[in-house]
């Protein structure tokens, strides 16, 4: 197997997004639940990427195609944020059940 086939650092982009979101929330910005959901989804995407790359022995390998690996990370992060936007929008539209007395 060539080094190019093993080079993957795409998990870094959602990880950086999760760290930024965590710091942003920790400093008092937007404590609403939907931003917690975004943070959790970004963390989940990053953790999944790290576990996948540890499993395949590809963690921390950086090679000549780092730009394409980071571009993949951007696509993954965009997919996470898009999914979060749909979930956040649906939570605002779908009626909530009445609380039990």
PDB file of N, CA and C in Angstrom:
ATOM      1  N   UNK A   1       0.853  -1.175   0.000  1.00  0.00           N
ATOM      2  CA  UNK A   1       0.000   0.000   0.000  1.00  0.00           C
ATOM      3  C   UNK A   1       0.897   1.235   0.000  1.00  0.00           C
ATOM      4  N   UNK A   2       0.609   2.177  -0.857  1.00  0.00           N
ATOM      5  CA  UNK A   2       1.442   3.368  -0.956  1.00  0.00           C
ATOM      6  C   UNK A   2       1.098   4.357   0.146  1.00  0.00           C
ATOM      7  N   UNK A   3       2.016   5.274   0.395  1.00  0.00           N
ATOM      8  CA  UNK A   3       1.795   6.285   1.417  1.00  0.00           C
ATOM      9  C   UNK A   3       0.627   7.185   1.049  1.00  0.00           C
ATOM     10  N   UNK A   4       0.454   7.464  -0.237  1.00  0.00           N
ATOM     11  CA  UNK A   4      -0.650   8.313  -0.667  1.00  0.00           C
ATOM     12  C   UNK A   4      -1.997   7.709  -0.293  1.00  0.00           C
ATOM     13  N   UNK A   5      -2.135   6.407  -0.407  1.00  0.00           N
ATOM     14  CA  UNK A   5      -3.399   5.753  -0.084  1.00  0.00           C
ATOM     15  C   UNK A   5      -3.677   5.808   1.413  1.00  0.00           C
ATOM     16  N   UNK A   6      -2.631   5.920   2.236  1.00  0.00           N
ATOM     17  CA  UNK A   6      -2.791   5.917   3.682  1.00  0.00           C
ATOM     18  C   UNK A   6      -2.923   7.308   4.276  1.00  0.00           C
ATOM     19  N   UNK A   7      -2.667   8.338   3.517  1.00  0.00           N
ATOM     20  CA  UNK A   7      -2.646   9.693   4.041  1.00  0.00           C
ATOM     21  C   UNK A   7      -4.049  10.234   4.232  1.00  0.00           C
ATOM     22  N   UNK A   8      -4.408  10.499   5.467  1.00  0.00           N
ATOM     23  CA  UNK A   8      -5.736  11.043   5.758  1.00  0.00           C
ATOM     24  C   UNK A   8      -5.675  11.915   7.013  1.00  0.00           C
ATOM     25  N   UNK A   9      -6.063  13.135   6.891  1.00  0.00           N
ATOM     26  CA  UNK A   9      -6.200  14.018   8.043  1.00  0.00           C
ATOM     27  C   UNK A   9      -7.532  14.770   7.970  1.00  0.00           C
ATOM     28  N   UNK A  10      -8.506  14.181   7.280  1.00  0.00           N
ATOM     29  CA  UNK A  10      -9.788  14.858   7.069  1.00  0.00           C
ATOM     30  C   UNK A  10     -10.553  15.084   8.363  1.00  0.00           C
ATOM     31  N   UNK A  11     -10.279  14.290   9.399  1.00  0.00           N
ATOM     32  CA  UNK A  11     -10.963  14.453  10.678  1.00  0.00           C
ATOM     33  C   UNK A  11     -10.574  15.753  11.362  1.00  0.00           C
ATOM     34  N   UNK A  12      -9.490  16.385  10.934  1.00  0.00           N
ATOM     35  CA  UNK A  12      -9.008  17.611  11.576  1.00  0.00           C
ATOM     36  C   UNK A  12      -9.982  18.771  11.405  1.00  0.00           C
ATOM     37  N   UNK A  13     -10.667  18.843  10.276  1.00  0.00           N
ATOM     38  CA  UNK A  13     -11.560  19.979  10.024  1.00  0.00           C
ATOM     39  C   UNK A  13     -12.773  19.965  10.969  1.00  0.00           C
ATOM     40  N   UNK A  14     -13.530  18.855  11.081  1.00  0.00           N
ATOM     41  CA  UNK A  14     -14.622  18.890  12.061  1.00  0.00           C
ATOM     42  C   UNK A  14     -14.115  19.018  13.500  1.00  0.00           C
ATOM     43  N   UNK A  15     -12.909  18.529  13.770  1.00  0.00           N
ATOM     44  CA  UNK A  15     -12.334  18.666  15.108  1.00  0.00           C
ATOM     45  C   UNK A  15     -12.068  20.132  15.422  1.00  0.00           C
ATOM     46  N   UNK A  16     -11.501  20.855  14.481  1.00  0.00           N
ATOM     47  CA  UNK A  16     -11.264  22.287  14.674  1.00  0.00           C
ATOM     48  C   UNK A  16     -12.600  23.022  14.831  1.00  0.00           C
ATOM     49  N   UNK A  17     -13.587  22.649  14.013  1.00  0.00           N
ATOM     50  CA  UNK A  17     -14.916  23.252  14.145  1.00  0.00           C
ATOM     51  C   UNK A  17     -15.523  23.000  15.511  1.00  0.00           C
ATOM     52  N   UNK A  18     -15.363  21.789  16.024  1.00  0.00           N
ATOM     53  CA  UNK A  18     -15.897  21.451  17.345  1.00  0.00           C
ATOM     54  C   UNK A  18     -15.189  22.244  18.437  1.00  0.00           C
ATOM     55  N   UNK A  19     -13.885  22.399  18.312  1.00  0.00           N
ATOM     56  CA  UNK A  19     -13.124  23.169  19.307  1.00  0.00           C
ATOM     57  C   UNK A  19     -13.557  24.632  19.282  1.00  0.00           C
ATOM     58  N   UNK A  20     -13.699  25.201  18.085  1.00  0.00           N
ATOM     59  CA  UNK A  20     -14.143  26.592  17.967  1.00  0.00           C
ATOM     60  C   UNK A  20     -15.534  26.754  18.562  1.00  0.00           C
ATOM     61  N   UNK A  21     -16.429  25.830  18.255  1.00  0.00           N
ATOM     62  CA  UNK A  21     -17.799  25.886  18.779  1.00  0.00           C
ATOM     63  C   UNK A  21     -17.801  25.762  20.306  1.00  0.00           C
ATOM     64  N   UNK A  22     -16.970  24.892  20.845  1.00  0.00           N
ATOM     65  CA  UNK A  22     -16.884  24.715  22.304  1.00  0.00           C
ATOM     66  C   UNK A  22     -16.380  25.979  22.987  1.00  0.00           C
ATOM     67  N   UNK A  23     -15.335  26.567  22.440  1.00  0.00           N
ATOM     68  CA  UNK A  23     -14.773  27.798  23.016  1.00  0.00           C
ATOM     69  C   UNK A  23     -15.789  28.931  22.910  1.00  0.00           C
ATOM     70  N   UNK A  24     -16.460  29.013  21.769  1.00  0.00           N
ATOM     71  CA  UNK A  24     -17.466  30.048  21.542  1.00  0.00           C
ATOM     72  C   UNK A  24     -18.589  29.943  22.567  1.00  0.00           C
ATOM     73  N   UNK A  25     -19.061  28.722  22.793  1.00  0.00           N
ATOM     74  CA  UNK A  25     -20.136  28.512  23.765  1.00  0.00           C
ATOM     75  C   UNK A  25     -19.647  28.738  25.193  1.00  0.00           C
ATOM     76  N   UNK A  26     -18.387  28.375  25.492  1.00  0.00           N
ATOM     77  CA  UNK A  26     -17.853  28.524  26.842  1.00  0.00           C
ATOM     78  C   UNK A  26     -17.708  29.993  27.243  1.00  0.00           C
ATOM     79  N   UNK A  27     -17.571  30.854  26.268  1.00  0.00           N
ATOM     80  CA  UNK A  27     -17.417  32.280  26.555  1.00  0.00           C
ATOM     81  C   UNK A  27     -18.751  33.020  26.519  1.00  0.00           C
ATOM     82  N   UNK A  28     -19.849  32.304  26.713  1.00  0.00           N
ATOM     83  CA  UNK A  28     -21.142  32.917  26.909  1.00  0.00           C
ATOM     84  C   UNK A  28     -21.955  33.220  25.667  1.00  0.00           C
ATOM     85  N   UNK A  29     -21.509  32.784  24.516  1.00  0.00           N
ATOM     86  CA  UNK A  29     -22.253  33.040  23.292  1.00  0.00           C
ATOM     87  C   UNK A  29     -23.257  31.914  23.048  1.00  0.00           C
ATOM     88  N   UNK A  30     -24.481  32.291  22.797  1.00  0.00           N
ATOM     89  CA  UNK A  30     -25.515  31.355  22.340  1.00  0.00           C
ATOM     90  C   UNK A  30     -25.564  30.046  23.134  1.00  0.00           C
ATOM     91  N   UNK A  31     -26.204  30.091  24.268  1.00  0.00           N
ATOM     92  CA  UNK A  31     -26.350  28.897  25.112  1.00  0.00           C
ATOM     93  C   UNK A  31     -27.575  28.065  24.740  1.00  0.00           C
ATOM     94  N   UNK A  32     -28.237  28.423  23.633  1.00  0.00           N
ATOM     95  CA  UNK A  32     -29.426  27.674  23.237  1.00  0.00           C
ATOM     96  C   UNK A  32     -29.079  26.231  22.880  1.00  0.00           C
ATOM     97  N   UNK A  33     -30.025  25.309  23.088  1.00  0.00           N
ATOM     98  CA  UNK A  33     -29.755  23.886  22.838  1.00  0.00           C
ATOM     99  C   UNK A  33     -29.311  23.572  21.415  1.00  0.00           C
ATOM    100  N   UNK A  34     -29.808  24.315  20.440  1.00  0.00           N
ATOM    101  CA  UNK A  34     -29.441  23.965  19.071  1.00  0.00           C
ATOM    102  C   UNK A  34     -27.945  24.147  18.817  1.00  0.00           C
ATOM    103  N   UNK A  35     -27.284  25.045  19.527  1.00  0.00           N
ATOM    104  CA  UNK A  35     -25.841  25.193  19.354  1.00  0.00           C
ATOM    105  C   UNK A  35     -25.073  24.099  20.107  1.00  0.00           C
ATOM    106  N   UNK A  36     -25.660  23.597  21.171  1.00  0.00           N
ATOM    107  CA  UNK A  36     -25.098  22.411  21.819  1.00  0.00           C
ATOM    108  C   UNK A  36     -25.175  21.226  20.863  1.00  0.00           C
ATOM    109  N   UNK A  37     -26.289  21.098  20.145  1.00  0.00           N
ATOM    110  CA  UNK A  37     -26.438  20.017  19.162  1.00  0.00           C
ATOM    111  C   UNK A  37     -25.351  20.114  18.103  1.00  0.00           C
ATOM    112  N   UNK A  38     -25.094  21.319  17.613  1.00  0.00           N
ATOM    113  CA  UNK A  38     -24.046  21.506  16.605  1.00  0.00           C
ATOM    114  C   UNK A  38     -22.699  21.069  17.153  1.00  0.00           C
ATOM    115  N   UNK A  39     -22.406  21.483  18.374  1.00  0.00           N
ATOM    116  CA  UNK A  39     -21.145  21.110  19.001  1.00  0.00           C
ATOM    117  C   UNK A  39     -21.024  19.596  19.130  1.00  0.00           C
ATOM    118  N   UNK A  40     -22.086  18.950  19.578  1.00  0.00           N
ATOM    119  CA  UNK A  40     -22.066  17.498  19.732  1.00  0.00           C
ATOM    120  C   UNK A  40     -21.922  16.785  18.391  1.00  0.00           C
ATOM    121  N   UNK A  41     -22.587  17.300  17.371  1.00  0.00           N
ATOM    122  CA  UNK A  41     -22.492  16.676  16.042  1.00  0.00           C
ATOM    123  C   UNK A  41     -21.081  16.828  15.463  1.00  0.00           C
ATOM    124  N   UNK A  42     -20.472  18.003  15.642  1.00  0.00           N
ATOM    125  CA  UNK A  42     -19.098  18.193  15.167  1.00  0.00           C
ATOM    126  C   UNK A  42     -18.128  17.293  15.941  1.00  0.00           C
ATOM    127  N   UNK A  43     -18.318  17.208  17.256  1.00  0.00           N
ATOM    128  CA  UNK A  43     -17.472  16.314  18.064  1.00  0.00           C
ATOM    129  C   UNK A  43     -17.648  14.870  17.623  1.00  0.00           C
ATOM    130  N   UNK A  44     -18.888  14.471  17.373  1.00  0.00           N
ATOM    131  CA  UNK A  44     -19.152  13.109  16.913  1.00  0.00           C
ATOM    132  C   UNK A  44     -18.486  12.822  15.587  1.00  0.00           C
ATOM    133  N   UNK A  45     -18.550  13.772  14.655  1.00  0.00           N
ATOM    134  CA  UNK A  45     -17.886  13.600  13.363  1.00  0.00           C
ATOM    135  C   UNK A  45     -16.381  13.485  13.517  1.00  0.00           C
ATOM    136  N   UNK A  46     -15.807  14.302  14.392  1.00  0.00           N
ATOM    137  CA  UNK A  46     -14.364  14.254  14.621  1.00  0.00           C
ATOM    138  C   UNK A  46     -13.960  12.941  15.303  1.00  0.00           C
ATOM    139  N   UNK A  47     -14.720  12.532  16.304  1.00  0.00           N
ATOM    140  CA  UNK A  47     -14.410  11.278  17.003  1.00  0.00           C
ATOM    141  C   UNK A  47     -14.528  10.096  16.049  1.00  0.00           C
ATOM    142  N   UNK A  48     -15.579  10.096  15.231  1.00  0.00           N
ATOM    143  CA  UNK A  48     -15.729   9.036  14.250  1.00  0.00           C
ATOM    144  C   UNK A  48     -14.508   8.989  13.321  1.00  0.00           C
ATOM    145  N   UNK A  49     -14.070  10.143  12.848  1.00  0.00           N
ATOM    146  CA  UNK A  49     -12.904  10.189  11.960  1.00  0.00           C
ATOM    147  C   UNK A  49     -11.643   9.675  12.634  1.00  0.00           C
ATOM    148  N   UNK A  50     -11.428  10.083  13.864  1.00  0.00           N
ATOM    149  CA  UNK A  50     -10.235   9.630  14.597  1.00  0.00           C
ATOM    150  C   UNK A  50     -10.279   8.117  14.807  1.00  0.00           C
ATOM    151  N   UNK A  51     -11.417   7.602  15.255  1.00  0.00           N
ATOM    152  CA  UNK A  51     -11.543   6.156  15.480  1.00  0.00           C
ATOM    153  C   UNK A  51     -11.338   5.388  14.169  1.00  0.00           C
ATOM    154  N   UNK A  52     -11.938   5.873  13.095  1.00  0.00           N
ATOM    155  CA  UNK A  52     -11.782   5.228  11.798  1.00  0.00           C
ATOM    156  C   UNK A  52     -10.316   5.198  11.361  1.00  0.00           C
ATOM    157  N   UNK A  53      -9.619   6.304  11.553  1.00  0.00           N
ATOM    158  CA  UNK A  53      -8.227   6.350  11.126  1.00  0.00           C
ATOM    159  C   UNK A  53      -7.299   5.559  12.052  1.00  0.00           C
ATOM    160  N   UNK A  54      -7.615   5.489  13.331  1.00  0.00           N
ATOM    161  CA  UNK A  54      -6.843   4.616  14.235  1.00  0.00           C
ATOM    162  C   UNK A  54      -7.060   3.162  13.820  1.00  0.00           C
ATOM    163  N   UNK A  55      -8.301   2.814  13.555  1.00  0.00           N
ATOM    164  CA  UNK A  55      -8.652   1.453  13.152  1.00  0.00           C
ATOM    165  C   UNK A  55      -7.873   1.032  11.904  1.00  0.00           C
ATOM    166  N   UNK A  56      -7.737   1.940  10.960  1.00  0.00           N
ATOM    167  CA  UNK A  56      -7.053   1.630   9.697  1.00  0.00           C
ATOM    168  C   UNK A  56      -5.572   1.975   9.708  1.00  0.00           C
ATOM    169  N   UNK A  57      -5.049   2.410  10.861  1.00  0.00           N
ATOM    170  CA  UNK A  57      -3.626   2.724  10.967  1.00  0.00           C
ATOM    171  C   UNK A  57      -3.219   3.959  10.174  1.00  0.00           C
ATOM    172  N   UNK A  58      -4.130   4.904  10.029  1.00  0.00           N
ATOM    173  CA  UNK A  58      -3.860   6.081   9.205  1.00  0.00           C
ATOM    174  C   UNK A  58      -3.790   7.373  10.005  1.00  0.00           C
ATOM    175  N   UNK A  59      -3.805   7.298  11.299  1.00  0.00           N
ATOM    176  CA  UNK A  59      -3.823   8.503  12.107  1.00  0.00           C
ATOM    177  C   UNK A  59      -2.497   9.242  12.000  1.00  0.00           C
ATOM    178  N   UNK A  60      -2.566  10.524  11.791  1.00  0.00           N
ATOM    179  CA  UNK A  60      -1.416  11.439  11.747  1.00  0.00           C
ATOM    180  C   UNK A  60      -0.480  11.225  10.565  1.00  0.00           C
ATOM    181  N   UNK A  61      -0.907  10.523   9.550  1.00  0.00           N
ATOM    182  CA  UNK A  61      -0.082  10.421   8.352  1.00  0.00           C
ATOM    183  C   UNK A  61      -0.368  11.620   7.467  1.00  0.00           C
ATOM    184  N   UNK A  62       0.661  12.358   7.158  1.00  0.00           N
ATOM    185  CA  UNK A  62       0.503  13.535   6.317  1.00  0.00           C
ATOM    186  C   UNK A  62       1.415  13.360   5.113  1.00  0.00           C
ATOM    187  N   UNK A  63       0.825  13.432   3.948  1.00  0.00           N
ATOM    188  CA  UNK A  63       1.596  13.225   2.731  1.00  0.00           C
ATOM    189  C   UNK A  63       1.405  14.340   1.727  1.00  0.00           C
ATOM    190  N   UNK A  64       1.688  14.054   0.492  1.00  0.00           N
ATOM    191  CA  UNK A  64       1.654  15.087  -0.539  1.00  0.00           C
ATOM    192  C   UNK A  64       0.249  15.562  -0.907  1.00  0.00           C
ATOM    193  N   UNK A  65      -0.772  14.832  -0.555  1.00  0.00           N
ATOM    194  CA  UNK A  65      -2.133  15.240  -0.937  1.00  0.00           C
ATOM    195  C   UNK A  65      -2.928  15.776   0.248  1.00  0.00           C
ATOM    196  N   UNK A  66      -2.283  16.536   1.119  1.00  0.00           N
ATOM    197  CA  UNK A  66      -2.960  17.070   2.311  1.00  0.00           C
ATOM    198  C   UNK A  66      -4.097  18.010   1.930  1.00  0.00           C
ATOM    199  N   UNK A  67      -3.957  18.730   0.822  1.00  0.00           N
ATOM    200  CA  UNK A  67      -5.016  19.656   0.409  1.00  0.00           C
ATOM    201  C   UNK A  67      -6.299  18.892   0.094  1.00  0.00           C
ATOM    202  N   UNK A  68      -6.185  17.781  -0.603  1.00  0.00           N
ATOM    203  CA  UNK A  68      -7.390  17.009  -0.913  1.00  0.00           C
ATOM    204  C   UNK A  68      -7.968  16.368   0.342  1.00  0.00           C
ATOM    205  N   UNK A  69      -7.110  15.974   1.281  1.00  0.00           N
ATOM    206  CA  UNK A  69      -7.607  15.422   2.544  1.00  0.00           C
ATOM    207  C   UNK A  69      -8.365  16.477   3.344  1.00  0.00           C
ATOM    208  N   UNK A  70      -7.820  17.689   3.412  1.00  0.00           N
ATOM    209  CA  UNK A  70      -8.495  18.763   4.124  1.00  0.00           C
ATOM    210  C   UNK A  70      -9.771  19.177   3.395  1.00  0.00           C
ATOM    211  N   UNK A  71      -9.765  19.117   2.065  1.00  0.00           N
ATOM    212  CA  UNK A  71     -10.984  19.410   1.302  1.00  0.00           C
ATOM    213  C   UNK A  71     -12.077  18.395   1.638  1.00  0.00           C
ATOM    214  N   UNK A  72     -11.691  17.134   1.797  1.00  0.00           N
ATOM    215  CA  UNK A  72     -12.654  16.118   2.227  1.00  0.00           C
ATOM    216  C   UNK A  72     -13.198  16.456   3.607  1.00  0.00           C
ATOM    217  N   UNK A  73     -12.329  16.921   4.502  1.00  0.00           N
ATOM    218  CA  UNK A  73     -12.767  17.342   5.831  1.00  0.00           C
ATOM    219  C   UNK A  73     -13.751  18.496   5.779  1.00  0.00           C
ATOM    220  N   UNK A  74     -13.535  19.421   4.847  1.00  0.00           N
ATOM    221  CA  UNK A  74     -14.470  20.532   4.670  1.00  0.00           C
ATOM    222  C   UNK A  74     -15.828  20.003   4.207  1.00  0.00           C
ATOM    223  N   UNK A  75     -15.822  19.054   3.275  1.00  0.00           N
ATOM    224  CA  UNK A  75     -17.073  18.466   2.795  1.00  0.00           C
ATOM    225  C   UNK A  75     -17.799  17.752   3.946  1.00  0.00           C
ATOM    226  N   UNK A  76     -17.064  17.012   4.745  1.00  0.00           N
ATOM    227  CA  UNK A  76     -17.656  16.323   5.902  1.00  0.00           C
ATOM    228  C   UNK A  76     -18.261  17.340   6.864  1.00  0.00           C
ATOM    229  N   UNK A  77     -17.540  18.416   7.138  1.00  0.00           N
ATOM    230  CA  UNK A  77     -18.021  19.447   8.052  1.00  0.00           C
ATOM    231  C   UNK A  77     -19.255  20.149   7.496  1.00  0.00           C
ATOM    232  N   UNK A  78     -19.266  20.417   6.204  1.00  0.00           N
ATOM    233  CA  UNK A  78     -20.437  21.029   5.573  1.00  0.00           C
ATOM    234  C   UNK A  78     -21.648  20.097   5.697  1.00  0.00           C
ATOM    235  N   UNK A  79     -21.427  18.799   5.509  1.00  0.00           N
ATOM    236  CA  UNK A  79     -22.524  17.835   5.648  1.00  0.00           C
ATOM    237  C   UNK A  79     -23.052  17.818   7.084  1.00  0.00           C
ATOM    238  N   UNK A  80     -22.160  17.895   8.061  1.00  0.00           N
ATOM    239  CA  UNK A  80     -22.576  17.927   9.468  1.00  0.00           C
ATOM    240  C   UNK A  80     -23.389  19.182   9.757  1.00  0.00           C
ATOM    241  N   UNK A  81     -22.895  20.338   9.298  1.00  0.00           N
ATOM    242  CA  UNK A  81     -23.589  21.604   9.553  1.00  0.00           C
ATOM    243  C   UNK A  81     -24.936  21.636   8.822  1.00  0.00           C
ATOM    244  N   UNK A  82     -24.985  21.111   7.610  1.00  0.00           N
ATOM    245  CA  UNK A  82     -26.247  21.073   6.867  1.00  0.00           C
ATOM    246  C   UNK A  82     -27.269  20.187   7.580  1.00  0.00           C
ATOM    247  N   UNK A  83     -26.828  19.041   8.078  1.00  0.00           N
ATOM    248  CA  UNK A  83     -27.721  18.153   8.823  1.00  0.00           C
ATOM    249  C   UNK A  83     -28.203  18.835  10.097  1.00  0.00           C
ATOM    250  N   UNK A  84     -27.291  19.512  10.787  1.00  0.00           N
ATOM    251  CA  UNK A  84     -27.662  20.253  11.993  1.00  0.00           C
ATOM    252  C   UNK A  84     -28.691  21.333  11.669  1.00  0.00           C
ATOM    253  N   UNK A  85     -28.512  22.045  10.556  1.00  0.00           N
ATOM    254  CA  UNK A  85     -29.447  23.107  10.181  1.00  0.00           C
ATOM    255  C   UNK A  85     -30.848  22.543   9.951  1.00  0.00           C
ATOM    256  N   UNK A  86     -30.926  21.380   9.311  1.00  0.00           N
ATOM    257  CA  UNK A  86     -32.228  20.743   9.088  1.00  0.00           C
ATOM    258  C   UNK A  86     -32.858  20.347  10.423  1.00  0.00           C
ATOM    259  N   UNK A  87     -32.070  19.738  11.298  1.00  0.00           N
ATOM    260  CA  UNK A  87     -32.586  19.317  12.613  1.00  0.00           C
ATOM    261  C   UNK A  87     -33.014  20.530  13.436  1.00  0.00           C
ATOM    262  N   UNK A  88     -32.210  21.587  13.428  1.00  0.00           N
ATOM    263  CA  UNK A  88     -32.545  22.794  14.194  1.00  0.00           C
ATOM    264  C   UNK A  88     -33.816  23.440  13.645  1.00  0.00           C
ATOM    265  N   UNK A  89     -33.950  23.463  12.325  1.00  0.00           N
ATOM    266  CA  UNK A  89     -35.143  24.039  11.709  1.00  0.00           C
ATOM    267  C   UNK A  89     -36.380  23.189  12.024  1.00  0.00           C
ATOM    268  N   UNK A  90     -36.223  21.883  11.947  1.00  0.00           N
ATOM    269  CA  UNK A  90     -37.350  20.993  12.241  1.00  0.00           C
ATOM    270  C   UNK A  90     -37.786  21.122  13.702  1.00  0.00           C
ATOM    271  N   UNK A  91     -36.850  21.332  14.602  1.00  0.00           N
ATOM    272  CA  UNK A  91     -37.207  21.466  16.015  1.00  0.00           C
ATOM    273  C   UNK A  91     -38.008  22.734  16.263  1.00  0.00           C
ATOM    274  N   UNK A  92     -37.830  23.734  15.412  1.00  0.00           N
ATOM    275  CA  UNK A  92     -38.595  24.972  15.549  1.00  0.00           C
ATOM    276  C   UNK A  92     -39.984  24.846  14.936  1.00  0.00           C
ATOM    277  N   UNK A  93     -40.145  23.928  13.988  1.00  0.00           N
ATOM    278  CA  UNK A  93     -41.406  23.793  13.260  1.00  0.00           C
ATOM    279  C   UNK A  93     -42.309  22.730  13.871  1.00  0.00           C
ATOM    280  N   UNK A  94     -41.732  21.611  14.288  1.00  0.00           N
ATOM    281  CA  UNK A  94     -42.512  20.488  14.802  1.00  0.00           C
ATOM    282  C   UNK A  94     -43.055  20.845  16.185  1.00  0.00           C
ATOM    283  N   UNK A  95     -44.362  20.681  16.392  1.00  0.00           N
ATOM    284  CA  UNK A  95     -44.926  21.010  17.712  1.00  0.00           C
ATOM    285  C   UNK A  95     -44.399  20.057  18.789  1.00  0.00           C
ATOM    286  N   UNK A  96     -44.176  20.592  19.957  1.00  0.00           N
ATOM    287  CA  UNK A  96     -43.696  19.778  21.066  1.00  0.00           C
ATOM    288  C   UNK A  96     -44.875  19.217  21.827  1.00  0.00           C
ATOM    289  N   UNK A  97     -44.752  17.983  22.352  1.00  0.00           N
ATOM    290  CA  UNK A  97     -45.851  17.432  23.147  1.00  0.00           C
ATOM    291  C   UNK A  97     -46.016  18.239  24.448  1.00  0.00           C
ATOM    292  N   UNK A  98     -47.250  18.283  24.909  1.00  0.00           N
ATOM    293  CA  UNK A  98     -47.534  19.021  26.151  1.00  0.00           C
ATOM    294  C   UNK A  98     -46.816  18.333  27.305  1.00  0.00           C
ATOM    295  N   UNK A  99     -46.329  19.148  28.225  1.00  0.00           N
ATOM    296  CA  UNK A  99     -45.644  18.586  29.390  1.00  0.00           C
ATOM    297  C   UNK A  99     -46.663  17.930  30.323  1.00  0.00           C
ATOM    298  N   UNK A 100     -46.265  16.822  30.925  1.00  0.00           N
ATOM    299  CA  UNK A 100     -47.144  16.114  31.865  1.00  0.00           C
ATOM    300  C   UNK A 100     -47.248  16.913  33.152  1.00  0.00           C
ATOM    301  N   UNK A 101     -48.429  16.993  33.677  1.00  0.00           N
ATOM    302  CA  UNK A 101     -48.643  17.789  34.905  1.00  0.00           C
ATOM    303  C   UNK A 101     -48.368  16.973  36.135  1.00  0.00           C
TER     304      UNK A 101
END
